[in-house]
């Protein structure tokens, strides 16, 4: 599968599989909390818009 790739390309390809740095710091929980908040608020808005028609 990696036949014909140079050493730099193989190292770059292997680096893409590693754990992203953002998931190790405070950015990941902040993004997760934002997504949960956004999803809940969108659900509440959708329910309120359908019940107030």
C-alpha atoms as a PDB file:
ATOM      1  CA  UNK A   1       0.000   0.000   0.000  1.00  0.00           C
ATOM      2  CA  UNK A   2       2.839   2.406   0.790  1.00  0.00           C
ATOM      3  CA  UNK A   3       4.970   1.143  -2.067  1.00  0.00           C
ATOM      4  CA  UNK A   4       6.642   3.939  -3.997  1.00  0.00           C
ATOM      5  CA  UNK A   5       6.354   6.581  -1.297  1.00  0.00           C
ATOM      6  CA  UNK A   6       9.459   8.309  -0.075  1.00  0.00           C
ATOM      7  CA  UNK A   7      10.490   8.387   3.574  1.00  0.00           C
ATOM      8  CA  UNK A   8       9.149  11.914   4.028  1.00  0.00           C
ATOM      9  CA  UNK A   9       5.795  10.975   2.522  1.00  0.00           C
ATOM     10  CA  UNK A  10       5.557   7.918   4.729  1.00  0.00           C
ATOM     11  CA  UNK A  11       6.369   9.985   7.830  1.00  0.00           C
ATOM     12  CA  UNK A  12       3.792  12.587   6.808  1.00  0.00           C
ATOM     13  CA  UNK A  13       1.208   9.868   6.268  1.00  0.00           C
ATOM     14  CA  UNK A  14       2.003   8.350   9.656  1.00  0.00           C
ATOM     15  CA  UNK A  15       1.686  11.792  11.279  1.00  0.00           C
ATOM     16  CA  UNK A  16      -1.881  12.106  10.017  1.00  0.00           C
ATOM     17  CA  UNK A  17      -2.893   9.047  12.007  1.00  0.00           C
ATOM     18  CA  UNK A  18      -1.609  10.470  15.304  1.00  0.00           C
ATOM     19  CA  UNK A  19      -3.922  12.015  17.901  1.00  0.00           C
ATOM     20  CA  UNK A  20      -4.532  15.688  17.086  1.00  0.00           C
ATOM     21  CA  UNK A  21      -3.018  18.133  19.546  1.00  0.00           C
ATOM     22  CA  UNK A  22      -6.354  19.925  19.969  1.00  0.00           C
ATOM     23  CA  UNK A  23      -7.881  16.830  21.540  1.00  0.00           C
ATOM     24  CA  UNK A  24      -5.254  16.894  24.288  1.00  0.00           C
ATOM     25  CA  UNK A  25      -5.759  20.485  25.414  1.00  0.00           C
ATOM     26  CA  UNK A  26      -8.690  22.571  26.577  1.00  0.00           C
ATOM     27  CA  UNK A  27      -9.967  23.158  23.042  1.00  0.00           C
ATOM     28  CA  UNK A  28     -11.606  19.736  22.722  1.00  0.00           C
ATOM     29  CA  UNK A  29     -13.842  19.959  25.829  1.00  0.00           C
ATOM     30  CA  UNK A  30     -14.726  23.542  24.909  1.00  0.00           C
ATOM     31  CA  UNK A  31     -15.736  22.480  21.387  1.00  0.00           C
ATOM     32  CA  UNK A  32     -17.679  19.539  22.754  1.00  0.00           C
ATOM     33  CA  UNK A  33     -19.554  21.763  25.217  1.00  0.00           C
ATOM     34  CA  UNK A  34     -20.299  24.274  22.440  1.00  0.00           C
ATOM     35  CA  UNK A  35     -21.664  21.561  20.175  1.00  0.00           C
ATOM     36  CA  UNK A  36     -23.882  20.161  22.934  1.00  0.00           C
ATOM     37  CA  UNK A  37     -25.157  23.646  23.801  1.00  0.00           C
ATOM     38  CA  UNK A  38     -25.800  24.465  20.141  1.00  0.00           C
ATOM     39  CA  UNK A  39     -27.631  21.178  19.573  1.00  0.00           C
ATOM     40  CA  UNK A  40     -29.809  21.634  22.650  1.00  0.00           C
ATOM     41  CA  UNK A  41     -30.650  25.234  21.818  1.00  0.00           C
ATOM     42  CA  UNK A  42     -31.496  24.294  18.218  1.00  0.00           C
ATOM     43  CA  UNK A  43     -33.770  21.534  19.502  1.00  0.00           C
ATOM     44  CA  UNK A  44     -35.518  23.892  21.929  1.00  0.00           C
ATOM     45  CA  UNK A  45     -35.955  26.478  19.181  1.00  0.00           C
ATOM     46  CA  UNK A  46     -37.350  23.907  16.739  1.00  0.00           C
ATOM     47  CA  UNK A  47     -39.816  22.630  19.326  1.00  0.00           C
ATOM     48  CA  UNK A  48     -40.906  26.128  20.296  1.00  0.00           C
ATOM     49  CA  UNK A  49     -41.331  27.192  16.664  1.00  0.00           C
ATOM     50  CA  UNK A  50     -43.523  24.174  15.892  1.00  0.00           C
ATOM     51  CA  UNK A  51     -45.664  24.529  18.998  1.00  0.00           C
ATOM     52  CA  UNK A  52     -46.288  28.273  18.598  1.00  0.00           C
ATOM     53  CA  UNK A  53     -47.646  28.073  15.062  1.00  0.00           C
END
